[in-house]
PDB file of N, CA and C in Angstrom:
ATOM      1  N   MET A   1      -4.356  20.697  24.956  1.00  0.00           N
ATOM      2  CA  MET A   1      -5.312  21.485  24.574  1.00  0.00           C
ATOM      3  C   MET A   1      -6.703  20.753  24.416  1.00  0.00           C
ATOM      4  N   THR A   2      -7.823  21.095  25.162  1.00  0.00           N
ATOM      5  CA  THR A   2      -8.987  20.542  25.022  1.00  0.00           C
ATOM      6  C   THR A   2     -10.021  21.417  24.436  1.00  0.00           C
ATOM      7  N   LYS A   3     -10.522  21.009  23.389  1.00  0.00           N
ATOM      8  CA  LYS A   3     -11.764  21.732  22.721  1.00  0.00           C
ATOM      9  C   LYS A   3     -13.013  21.291  23.435  1.00  0.00           C
ATOM     10  N   ASP A   4     -14.052  22.345  23.329  1.00  0.00           N
ATOM     11  CA  ASP A   4     -15.221  21.848  23.593  1.00  0.00           C
ATOM     12  C   ASP A   4     -15.996  21.754  22.217  1.00  0.00           C
ATOM     13  N   LEU A   5     -16.237  20.754  21.835  1.00  0.00           N
ATOM     14  CA  LEU A   5     -16.604  20.258  20.295  1.00  0.00           C
ATOM     15  C   LEU A   5     -18.050  21.037  20.253  1.00  0.00           C
ATOM     16  N   ASP A   6     -18.790  21.131  21.197  1.00  0.00           N
ATOM     17  CA  ASP A   6     -20.238  21.743  20.864  1.00  0.00           C
ATOM     18  C   ASP A   6     -20.124  23.126  20.509  1.00  0.00           C
ATOM     19  N   LYS A   7     -18.780  23.868  20.755  1.00  0.00           N
ATOM     20  CA  LYS A   7     -18.711  25.312  20.291  1.00  0.00           C
ATOM     21  C   LYS A   7     -17.972  25.642  18.881  1.00  0.00           C
ATOM     22  N   LEU A   8     -17.665  24.335  18.575  1.00  0.00           N
ATOM     23  CA  LEU A   8     -17.124  24.461  16.970  1.00  0.00           C
ATOM     24  C   LEU A   8     -18.025  24.505  15.997  1.00  0.00           C
ATOM     25  N   SER A   9     -17.676  25.362  14.764  1.00  0.00           N
ATOM     26  CA  SER A   9     -18.641  25.417  13.820  1.00  0.00           C
ATOM     27  C   SER A   9     -18.478  24.077  12.999  1.00  0.00           C
ATOM     28  N   LEU A  10     -19.388  24.062  11.918  1.00  0.00           N
ATOM     29  CA  LEU A  10     -19.188  22.750  11.167  1.00  0.00           C
ATOM     30  C   LEU A  10     -17.838  22.755  10.423  1.00  0.00           C
ATOM     31  N   ALA A  11     -17.501  23.885   9.851  1.00  0.00           N
ATOM     32  CA  ALA A  11     -16.194  23.838   9.216  1.00  0.00           C
ATOM     33  C   ALA A  11     -14.962  23.446  10.039  1.00  0.00           C
ATOM     34  N   GLU A  12     -15.059  24.150  11.303  1.00  0.00           N
ATOM     35  CA  GLU A  12     -14.010  23.790  12.286  1.00  0.00           C
ATOM     36  C   GLU A  12     -14.032  22.392  12.624  1.00  0.00           C
ATOM     37  N   LEU A  13     -15.169  21.649  12.711  1.00  0.00           N
ATOM     38  CA  LEU A  13     -15.336  20.207  12.924  1.00  0.00           C
ATOM     39  C   LEU A  13     -14.835  19.423  11.815  1.00  0.00           C
ATOM     40  N   LYS A  14     -15.056  19.805  10.712  1.00  0.00           N
ATOM     41  CA  LYS A  14     -14.537  19.161   9.482  1.00  0.00           C
ATOM     42  C   LYS A  14     -13.153  19.013   9.455  1.00  0.00           C
ATOM     43  N   GLN A  15     -12.729  20.150   9.741  1.00  0.00           N
ATOM     44  CA  GLN A  15     -10.985  20.471   9.575  1.00  0.00           C
ATOM     45  C   GLN A  15     -10.542  19.547  10.620  1.00  0.00           C
ATOM     46  N   LEU A  16     -11.079  19.644  11.980  1.00  0.00           N
ATOM     47  CA  LEU A  16     -10.573  18.727  13.069  1.00  0.00           C
ATOM     48  C   LEU A  16     -10.551  17.359  12.687  1.00  0.00           C
ATOM     49  N   ARG A  17     -11.591  16.712  11.823  1.00  0.00           N
ATOM     50  CA  ARG A  17     -11.581  15.523  11.636  1.00  0.00           C
ATOM     51  C   ARG A  17     -10.436  15.189  10.412  1.00  0.00           C
ATOM     52  N   LYS A  18     -10.433  16.091   9.669  1.00  0.00           N
ATOM     53  CA  LYS A  18      -9.405  16.040   8.442  1.00  0.00           C
ATOM     54  C   LYS A  18      -8.086  15.901   9.186  1.00  0.00           C
ATOM     55  N   ASP A  19      -7.843  16.633  10.197  1.00  0.00           N
ATOM     56  CA  ASP A  19      -6.599  16.664  10.704  1.00  0.00           C
ATOM     57  C   ASP A  19      -6.228  15.367  11.679  1.00  0.00           C
ATOM     58  N   VAL A  20      -7.354  14.886  12.219  1.00  0.00           N
ATOM     59  CA  VAL A  20      -7.147  13.631  13.114  1.00  0.00           C
ATOM     60  C   VAL A  20      -6.877  12.638  12.279  1.00  0.00           C
ATOM     61  N   ASP A  21      -7.663  12.395  10.933  1.00  0.00           N
ATOM     62  CA  ASP A  21      -7.498  11.512   9.960  1.00  0.00           C
ATOM     63  C   ASP A  21      -6.029  11.401   9.461  1.00  0.00           C
ATOM     64  N   ALA A  22      -5.503  12.691   9.176  1.00  0.00           N
ATOM     65  CA  ALA A  22      -4.052  12.650   8.673  1.00  0.00           C
ATOM     66  C   ALA A  22      -3.130  12.260   9.744  1.00  0.00           C
ATOM     67  N   ALA A  23      -3.435  12.425  11.032  1.00  0.00           N
ATOM     68  CA  ALA A  23      -2.449  12.150  12.125  1.00  0.00           C
ATOM     69  C   ALA A  23      -2.597  10.606  12.431  1.00  0.00           C
ATOM     70  N   ILE A  24      -3.704  10.247  12.265  1.00  0.00           N
ATOM     71  CA  ILE A  24      -3.755   8.345  12.383  1.00  0.00           C
ATOM     72  C   ILE A  24      -3.171   8.050  10.959  1.00  0.00           C
ATOM     73  N   ALA A  25      -3.320   8.470   9.934  1.00  0.00           N
ATOM     74  CA  ALA A  25      -2.393   7.762   8.770  1.00  0.00           C
ATOM     75  C   ALA A  25      -0.857   7.955   9.163  1.00  0.00           C
ATOM     76  N   SER A  26      -0.668   9.196   9.402  1.00  0.00           N
ATOM     77  CA  SER A  26       0.973   9.212   9.726  1.00  0.00           C
ATOM     78  C   SER A  26       1.394   8.331  10.819  1.00  0.00           C
ATOM     79  N   TYR A  27       0.714   8.151  12.026  1.00  0.00           N
ATOM     80  CA  TYR A  27       1.116   7.236  12.875  1.00  0.00           C
ATOM     81  C   TYR A  27       1.207   5.768  12.205  1.00  0.00           C
ATOM     82  N   ASN A  28       0.204   5.460  11.412  1.00  0.00           N
ATOM     83  CA  ASN A  28       0.162   4.002  10.848  1.00  0.00           C
ATOM     84  C   ASN A  28       1.414   4.091  10.011  1.00  0.00           C
ATOM     85  N   ASP A  29       1.676   4.734   9.062  1.00  0.00           N
ATOM     86  CA  ASP A  29       2.742   4.890   8.266  1.00  0.00           C
ATOM     87  C   ASP A  29       4.293   4.645   9.068  1.00  0.00           C
ATOM     88  N   ARG A  30       4.193   5.411  10.166  1.00  0.00           N
ATOM     89  CA  ARG A  30       5.413   5.321  11.065  1.00  0.00           C
ATOM     90  C   ARG A  30       5.423   3.892  11.599  1.00  0.00           C
ATOM     91  N   GLU A  31       4.420   3.438  12.107  1.00  0.00           N
ATOM     92  CA  GLU A  31       4.381   2.228  12.910  1.00  0.00           C
ATOM     93  C   GLU A  31       4.841   1.118  11.737  1.00  0.00           C
ATOM     94  N   LYS A  32       4.327   1.057  10.595  1.00  0.00           N
ATOM     95  CA  LYS A  32       4.542   0.081   9.451  1.00  0.00           C
ATOM     96  C   LYS A  32       6.086   0.018   9.208  1.00  0.00           C
ATOM     97  N   ALA A  33       6.693   1.508   8.909  1.00  0.00           N
ATOM     98  CA  ALA A  33       8.071   1.476   8.820  1.00  0.00           C
ATOM     99  C   ALA A  33       9.058   0.884   9.833  1.00  0.00           C
ATOM    100  N   LYS A  34       8.665   0.975  11.164  1.00  0.00           N
ATOM    101  CA  LYS A  34       9.293   0.391  12.115  1.00  0.00           C
ATOM    102  C   LYS A  34       9.121  -1.034  12.132  1.00  0.00           C
ATOM    103  N   ALA A  35       8.019  -1.663  11.754  1.00  0.00           N
ATOM    104  CA  ALA A  35       7.904  -2.987  11.690  1.00  0.00           C
ATOM    105  C   ALA A  35       8.703  -3.515  10.442  1.00  0.00           C
ATOM    106  N   ARG A  36       8.682  -2.901   9.304  1.00  0.00           N
ATOM    107  CA  ARG A  36       9.389  -3.229   8.376  1.00  0.00           C
ATOM    108  C   ARG A  36      10.900  -3.208   8.561  1.00  0.00           C
ATOM    109  N   ALA A  37      11.263  -2.177   9.174  1.00  0.00           N
ATOM    110  CA  ALA A  37      12.724  -2.105   9.544  1.00  0.00           C
ATOM    111  C   ALA A  37      13.180  -3.502  10.548  1.00  0.00           C
ATOM    112  N   ALA A  38      12.548  -3.634  11.590  1.00  0.00           N
ATOM    113  CA  ALA A  38      12.432  -4.888  12.363  1.00  0.00           C
ATOM    114  C   ALA A  38      12.614  -6.117  11.596  1.00  0.00           C
ATOM    115  N   LEU A  39      11.645  -6.318  10.780  1.00  0.00           N
ATOM    116  CA  LEU A  39      11.573  -7.513   9.876  1.00  0.00           C
ATOM    117  C   LEU A  39      12.984  -7.857   8.837  1.00  0.00           C
ATOM    118  N   GLU A  40      13.210  -6.585   8.285  1.00  0.00           N
ATOM    119  CA  GLU A  40      14.280  -6.565   7.494  1.00  0.00           C
ATOM    120  C   GLU A  40      15.695  -6.887   8.208  1.00  0.00           C
ATOM    121  N   GLU A  41      15.857  -6.443   9.414  1.00  0.00           N
ATOM    122  CA  GLU A  41      16.868  -6.627  10.284  1.00  0.00           C
ATOM    123  C   GLU A  41      17.019  -8.328  10.520  1.00  0.00           C
ATOM    124  N   LYS A  42      15.793  -8.634  11.076  1.00  0.00           N
ATOM    125  CA  LYS A  42      15.643 -10.192  11.294  1.00  0.00           C
ATOM    126  C   LYS A  42      15.995 -11.025  10.176  1.00  0.00           C
ATOM    127  N   ALA A  43      15.590 -10.479   8.922  1.00  0.00           N
ATOM    128  CA  ALA A  43      15.779 -11.435   7.790  1.00  0.00           C
ATOM    129  C   ALA A  43      17.186 -11.411   7.630  1.00  0.00           C
ATOM    130  N   LYS A  44      17.973 -10.150   7.491  1.00  0.00           N
ATOM    131  CA  LYS A  44      19.381  -9.903   7.435  1.00  0.00           C
ATOM    132  C   LYS A  44      20.178 -11.016   8.233  1.00  0.00           C
ATOM    133  N   GLU A  45      19.723 -11.175   9.670  1.00  0.00           N
ATOM    134  CA  GLU A  45      20.288 -12.065  10.389  1.00  0.00           C
ATOM    135  C   GLU A  45      20.621 -13.535   9.874  1.00  0.00           C
ATOM    136  N   PHE A  46      19.395 -13.904   9.178  1.00  0.00           N
ATOM    137  CA  PHE A  46      19.429 -15.172   8.398  1.00  0.00           C
ATOM    138  C   PHE A  46      20.191 -14.984   7.026  1.00  0.00           C
ATOM    139  N   GLY A  47      20.400 -13.969   6.517  1.00  0.00           N
ATOM    140  CA  GLY A  47      21.184 -13.744   5.236  1.00  0.00           C
ATOM    141  C   GLY A  47      20.318 -13.805   4.075  1.00  0.00           C
ATOM    142  N   PHE A  48      19.120 -13.145   4.347  1.00  0.00           N
ATOM    143  CA  PHE A  48      17.948 -12.951   3.373  1.00  0.00           C
ATOM    144  C   PHE A  48      17.636 -11.352   3.308  1.00  0.00           C
ATOM    145  N   SER A  49      16.839 -10.999   2.094  1.00  0.00           N
ATOM    146  CA  SER A  49      16.307  -9.748   2.436  1.00  0.00           C
ATOM    147  C   SER A  49      14.756 -10.138   2.418  1.00  0.00           C
ATOM    148  N   LEU A  50      13.926  -9.029   2.627  1.00  0.00           N
ATOM    149  CA  LEU A  50      12.472  -9.421   2.678  1.00  0.00           C
ATOM    150  C   LEU A  50      11.912  -9.702   1.205  1.00  0.00           C
ATOM    151  N   ASP A  51      12.521  -9.302   0.441  1.00  0.00           N
ATOM    152  CA  ASP A  51      12.357  -9.639  -1.016  1.00  0.00           C
ATOM    153  C   ASP A  51      12.647 -10.978  -1.218  1.00  0.00           C
ATOM    154  N   ASP A  52      13.665 -11.528  -0.890  1.00  0.00           N
ATOM    155  CA  ASP A  52      14.063 -12.813  -1.069  1.00  0.00           C
ATOM    156  C   ASP A  52      12.982 -13.910  -0.356  1.00  0.00           C
ATOM    157  N   ILE A  53      12.425 -13.509   0.694  1.00  0.00           N
ATOM    158  CA  ILE A  53      11.515 -14.153   1.526  1.00  0.00           C
ATOM    159  C   ILE A  53      10.197 -14.125   0.993  1.00  0.00           C
ATOM    160  N   PHE A  54       9.632 -12.813   0.562  1.00  0.00           N
ATOM    161  CA  PHE A  54       8.457 -12.750   0.330  1.00  0.00           C
ATOM    162  C   PHE A  54       8.054 -12.688  -1.287  1.00  0.00           C
ATOM    163  N   GLY A  55       9.461 -12.342  -2.045  1.00  0.00           N
ATOM    164  CA  GLY A  55       9.285 -11.927  -3.349  1.00  0.00           C
ATOM    165  C   GLY A  55       8.984 -10.598  -3.593  1.00  0.00           C
ATOM    166  N   LYS A  56       9.550 -10.119  -4.689  1.00  0.00           N
ATOM    167  CA  LYS A  56       9.193  -8.807  -4.990  1.00  0.00           C
ATOM    168  C   LYS A  56       7.660  -8.463  -5.558  1.00  0.00           C
ATOM    169  N   LYS A  57       7.265  -7.489  -4.881  1.00  0.00           N
ATOM    170  CA  LYS A  57       5.729  -7.158  -5.324  1.00  0.00           C
ATOM    171  C   LYS A  57       5.841  -6.343  -6.592  1.00  0.00           C
ATOM    172  N   THR A  58       5.048  -6.716  -7.613  1.00  0.00           N
ATOM    173  CA  THR A  58       5.006  -5.664  -8.880  1.00  0.00           C
ATOM    174  C   THR A  58       3.566  -5.209  -8.732  1.00  0.00           C
ATOM    175  N   ARG A  59       3.407  -4.000  -9.104  1.00  0.00           N
ATOM    176  CA  ARG A  59       2.159  -3.409  -9.072  1.00  0.00           C
ATOM    177  C   ARG A  59       1.884  -3.117 -10.549  1.00  0.00           C
ATOM    178  N   ARG A  60       0.658  -3.439 -10.732  1.00  0.00           N
ATOM    179  CA  ARG A  60      -0.011  -3.027 -11.974  1.00  0.00           C
ATOM    180  C   ARG A  60      -0.508  -1.542 -12.029  1.00  0.00           C
ATOM    181  N   SER A  61       0.014  -0.929 -13.226  1.00  0.00           N
ATOM    182  CA  SER A  61      -0.300   0.510 -13.212  1.00  0.00           C
ATOM    183  C   SER A  61      -1.904   0.537 -13.433  1.00  0.00           C
ATOM    184  N   LYS A  62      -2.411   1.573 -12.626  1.00  0.00           N
ATOM    185  CA  LYS A  62      -3.659   2.067 -12.849  1.00  0.00           C
ATOM    186  C   LYS A  62      -4.189   2.408 -14.306  1.00  0.00           C
ATOM    187  N   THR A  63      -5.232   1.996 -14.831  1.00  0.00           N
ATOM    188  CA  THR A  63      -5.514   2.277 -16.207  1.00  0.00           C
ATOM    189  C   THR A  63      -6.099   3.804 -15.989  1.00  0.00           C
ATOM    190  N   VAL A  64      -5.767   4.560 -17.274  1.00  0.00           N
ATOM    191  CA  VAL A  64      -6.162   5.862 -17.208  1.00  0.00           C
ATOM    192  C   VAL A  64      -7.793   6.052 -17.849  1.00  0.00           C
ATOM    193  N   ALA A  65      -8.460   6.695 -17.128  1.00  0.00           N
ATOM    194  CA  ALA A  65      -9.862   7.139 -17.532  1.00  0.00           C
ATOM    195  C   ALA A  65     -10.005   7.554 -18.974  1.00  0.00           C
ATOM    196  N   LYS A  66     -10.764   6.923 -19.753  1.00  0.00           N
ATOM    197  CA  LYS A  66     -10.912   7.347 -21.138  1.00  0.00           C
ATOM    198  C   LYS A  66     -12.394   8.062 -21.397  1.00  0.00           C
ATOM    199  N   TYR A  67     -13.254   7.749 -20.561  1.00  0.00           N
ATOM    200  CA  TYR A  67     -14.623   8.438 -20.732  1.00  0.00           C
ATOM    201  C   TYR A  67     -15.075   9.068 -19.320  1.00  0.00           C
ATOM    202  N   ARG A  68     -15.624  10.066 -19.458  1.00  0.00           N
ATOM    203  CA  ARG A  68     -16.380  10.581 -18.189  1.00  0.00           C
ATOM    204  C   ARG A  68     -17.747  11.090 -18.489  1.00  0.00           C
ATOM    205  N   ASN A  69     -18.619  10.859 -17.332  1.00  0.00           N
ATOM    206  CA  ASN A  69     -19.689  11.090 -17.200  1.00  0.00           C
ATOM    207  C   ASN A  69     -19.903  12.699 -16.942  1.00  0.00           C
ATOM    208  N   PRO A  70     -20.637  13.274 -18.110  1.00  0.00           N
ATOM    209  CA  PRO A  70     -20.660  14.720 -17.879  1.00  0.00           C
ATOM    210  C   PRO A  70     -21.546  15.066 -16.727  1.00  0.00           C
ATOM    211  N   ASN A  71     -22.303  14.454 -16.384  1.00  0.00           N
ATOM    212  CA  ASN A  71     -23.173  14.941 -15.093  1.00  0.00           C
ATOM    213  C   ASN A  71     -22.678  14.740 -13.809  1.00  0.00           C
ATOM    214  N   ASN A  72     -21.418  13.870 -13.886  1.00  0.00           N
ATOM    215  CA  ASN A  72     -20.801  13.497 -12.563  1.00  0.00           C
ATOM    216  C   ASN A  72     -19.369  13.256 -12.819  1.00  0.00           C
ATOM    217  N   ALA A  73     -18.574  14.137 -12.758  1.00  0.00           N
ATOM    218  CA  ALA A  73     -16.989  14.094 -13.267  1.00  0.00           C
ATOM    219  C   ALA A  73     -16.416  12.744 -12.444  1.00  0.00           C
ATOM    220  N   SER A  74     -16.911  12.793 -11.202  1.00  0.00           N
ATOM    221  CA  SER A  74     -16.062  11.536 -10.463  1.00  0.00           C
ATOM    222  C   SER A  74     -16.404  10.269 -11.207  1.00  0.00           C
ATOM    223  N   GLU A  75     -17.435  10.002 -11.945  1.00  0.00           N
ATOM    224  CA  GLU A  75     -17.664   8.748 -12.435  1.00  0.00           C
ATOM    225  C   GLU A  75     -16.894   8.696 -14.011  1.00  0.00           C
ATOM    226  N   THR A  76     -15.969   7.765 -14.058  1.00  0.00           N
ATOM    227  CA  THR A  76     -15.238   7.600 -15.245  1.00  0.00           C
ATOM    228  C   THR A  76     -15.024   6.019 -15.805  1.00  0.00           C
ATOM    229  N   TRP A  77     -14.678   5.849 -16.882  1.00  0.00           N
ATOM    230  CA  TRP A  77     -14.470   4.327 -17.434  1.00  0.00           C
ATOM    231  C   TRP A  77     -13.277   4.437 -18.253  1.00  0.00           C
ATOM    232  N   SER A  78     -12.392   3.382 -18.089  1.00  0.00           N
ATOM    233  CA  SER A  78     -11.174   3.177 -18.787  1.00  0.00           C
ATOM    234  C   SER A  78     -11.572   2.702 -20.191  1.00  0.00           C
ATOM    235  N   GLY A  79     -12.732   2.319 -20.619  1.00  0.00           N
ATOM    236  CA  GLY A  79     -12.825   1.514 -21.666  1.00  0.00           C
ATOM    237  C   GLY A  79     -12.414   0.042 -21.652  1.00  0.00           C
ATOM    238  N   ARG A  80     -12.077  -0.403 -20.549  1.00  0.00           N
ATOM    239  CA  ARG A  80     -12.080  -1.896 -20.414  1.00  0.00           C
ATOM    240  C   ARG A  80     -13.017  -2.329 -19.461  1.00  0.00           C
ATOM    241  N   GLY A  81     -13.351  -3.786 -19.693  1.00  0.00           N
ATOM    242  CA  GLY A  81     -14.288  -4.363 -18.729  1.00  0.00           C
ATOM    243  C   GLY A  81     -15.804  -3.762 -19.164  1.00  0.00           C
ATOM    244  N   ARG A  82     -16.459  -4.240 -18.277  1.00  0.00           N
ATOM    245  CA  ARG A  82     -18.154  -3.817 -18.402  1.00  0.00           C
ATOM    246  C   ARG A  82     -18.383  -2.404 -18.373  1.00  0.00           C
ATOM    247  N   ARG A  83     -19.274  -1.845 -19.038  1.00  0.00           N
ATOM    248  CA  ARG A  83     -19.530  -0.488 -19.231  1.00  0.00           C
ATOM    249  C   ARG A  83     -20.260  -0.218 -18.020  1.00  0.00           C
ATOM    250  N   PRO A  84     -20.086   0.986 -17.318  1.00  0.00           N
ATOM    251  CA  PRO A  84     -20.755   1.214 -16.115  1.00  0.00           C
ATOM    252  C   PRO A  84     -21.968   1.804 -16.522  1.00  0.00           C
ATOM    253  N   ASN A  85     -23.164   1.697 -15.383  1.00  0.00           N
ATOM    254  CA  ASN A  85     -24.428   1.853 -15.585  1.00  0.00           C
ATOM    255  C   ASN A  85     -24.681   3.315 -16.156  1.00  0.00           C
ATOM    256  N   TRP A  86     -24.099   4.216 -15.668  1.00  0.00           N
ATOM    257  CA  TRP A  86     -24.386   5.503 -16.303  1.00  0.00           C
ATOM    258  C   TRP A  86     -24.101   5.575 -17.636  1.00  0.00           C
ATOM    259  N   LEU A  87     -23.029   4.905 -18.398  1.00  0.00           N
ATOM    260  CA  LEU A  87     -22.924   5.075 -19.759  1.00  0.00           C
ATOM    261  C   LEU A  87     -24.041   4.227 -20.561  1.00  0.00           C
ATOM    262  N   GLU A  88     -24.107   2.907 -20.113  1.00  0.00           N
ATOM    263  CA  GLU A  88     -25.126   2.098 -20.604  1.00  0.00           C
ATOM    264  C   GLU A  88     -26.567   3.036 -20.669  1.00  0.00           C
ATOM    265  N   ASP A  89     -26.808   3.556 -19.618  1.00  0.00           N
ATOM    266  CA  ASP A  89     -28.230   4.419 -19.676  1.00  0.00           C
ATOM    267  C   ASP A  89     -28.217   5.424 -20.726  1.00  0.00           C
ATOM    268  N   ALA A  90     -27.083   6.249 -20.709  1.00  0.00           N
ATOM    269  CA  ALA A  90     -26.969   7.204 -21.595  1.00  0.00           C
ATOM    270  C   ALA A  90     -27.055   6.715 -23.257  1.00  0.00           C
ATOM    271  N   LEU A  91     -26.459   5.679 -23.432  1.00  0.00           N
ATOM    272  CA  LEU A  91     -26.287   4.925 -24.998  1.00  0.00           C
ATOM    273  C   LEU A  91     -27.629   4.454 -25.208  1.00  0.00           C
ATOM    274  N   LYS A  92     -28.385   3.994 -24.306  1.00  0.00           N
ATOM    275  CA  LYS A  92     -29.696   3.482 -24.611  1.00  0.00           C
ATOM    276  C   LYS A  92     -30.658   4.592 -25.001  1.00  0.00           C
ATOM    277  N   LYS A  93     -30.362   5.821 -24.407  1.00  0.00           N
ATOM    278  CA  LYS A  93     -30.976   7.145 -24.752  1.00  0.00           C
ATOM    279  C   LYS A  93     -30.627   7.744 -25.946  1.00  0.00           C
ATOM    280  N   GLY A  94     -29.735   7.218 -26.611  1.00  0.00           N
ATOM    281  CA  GLY A  94     -29.267   7.802 -28.090  1.00  0.00           C
ATOM    282  C   GLY A  94     -27.970   8.505 -28.164  1.00  0.00           C
ATOM    283  N   ALA A  95     -27.283   8.526 -26.797  1.00  0.00           N
ATOM    284  CA  ALA A  95     -25.885   9.289 -27.029  1.00  0.00           C
ATOM    285  C   ALA A  95     -24.928   8.570 -27.731  1.00  0.00           C
ATOM    286  N   GLN A  96     -24.035   9.039 -28.105  1.00  0.00           N
ATOM    287  CA  GLN A  96     -22.830   8.268 -28.773  1.00  0.00           C
ATOM    288  C   GLN A  96     -21.784   8.305 -27.902  1.00  0.00           C
ATOM    289  N   LEU A  97     -20.952   7.253 -27.958  1.00  0.00           N
ATOM    290  CA  LEU A  97     -19.965   6.727 -27.057  1.00  0.00           C
ATOM    291  C   LEU A  97     -18.875   7.928 -26.914  1.00  0.00           C
ATOM    292  N   GLU A  98     -18.526   8.303 -28.238  1.00  0.00           N
ATOM    293  CA  GLU A  98     -17.472   9.243 -28.472  1.00  0.00           C
ATOM    294  C   GLU A  98     -17.874  10.781 -27.642  1.00  0.00           C
ATOM    295  N   SER A  99     -18.896  11.124 -27.404  1.00  0.00           N
ATOM    296  CA  SER A  99     -19.247  12.230 -26.637  1.00  0.00           C
ATOM    297  C   SER A  99     -18.915  12.299 -25.277  1.00  0.00           C
ATOM    298  N   PHE A 100     -18.481  10.993 -24.787  1.00  0.00           N
ATOM    299  CA  PHE A 100     -18.011  10.899 -23.335  1.00  0.00           C
ATOM    300  C   PHE A 100     -16.359  10.776 -23.500  1.00  0.00           C
ATOM    301  N   LEU A 101     -15.782  10.979 -24.384  1.00  0.00           N
ATOM    302  CA  LEU A 101     -14.327  11.020 -24.363  1.00  0.00           C
ATOM    303  C   LEU A 101     -13.648  12.094 -23.723  1.00  0.00           C
ATOM    304  N   ILE A 102     -12.475  11.756 -23.008  1.00  0.00           N
ATOM    305  CA  ILE A 102     -12.293  12.824 -22.344  1.00  0.00           C
ATOM    306  C   ILE A 102     -11.030  13.148 -23.266  1.00  0.00           C
ATOM    307  N   ARG A 103     -10.993  14.490 -23.385  1.00  0.00           N
ATOM    308  CA  ARG A 103      -9.964  15.032 -24.424  1.00  0.00           C
ATOM    309  C   ARG A 103      -8.940  15.901 -23.538  1.00  0.00           C
TER     310      ARG A 103
END
């Protein structure tokens, strides 16, 4: 099925891009799974698991946002590390840190 892209609306083009991105991600996931299975089989031939060879990966949990920018909800801060510029600017203008708490 071939679509003439010039005839699609902006919404249709964005949906098409979203669908293509999802298809690419799905393809990559399937290929990674195949590669992992092949590597696990090869390691097993030698009497090992992939964890034996590469070590078990531990993932640090992502910190939870504690503060949010009221002007842009996508900007958050966990309270760890350096304060973001949006928060520093607001504090310099007299805002209180507590007013940015996520409740």
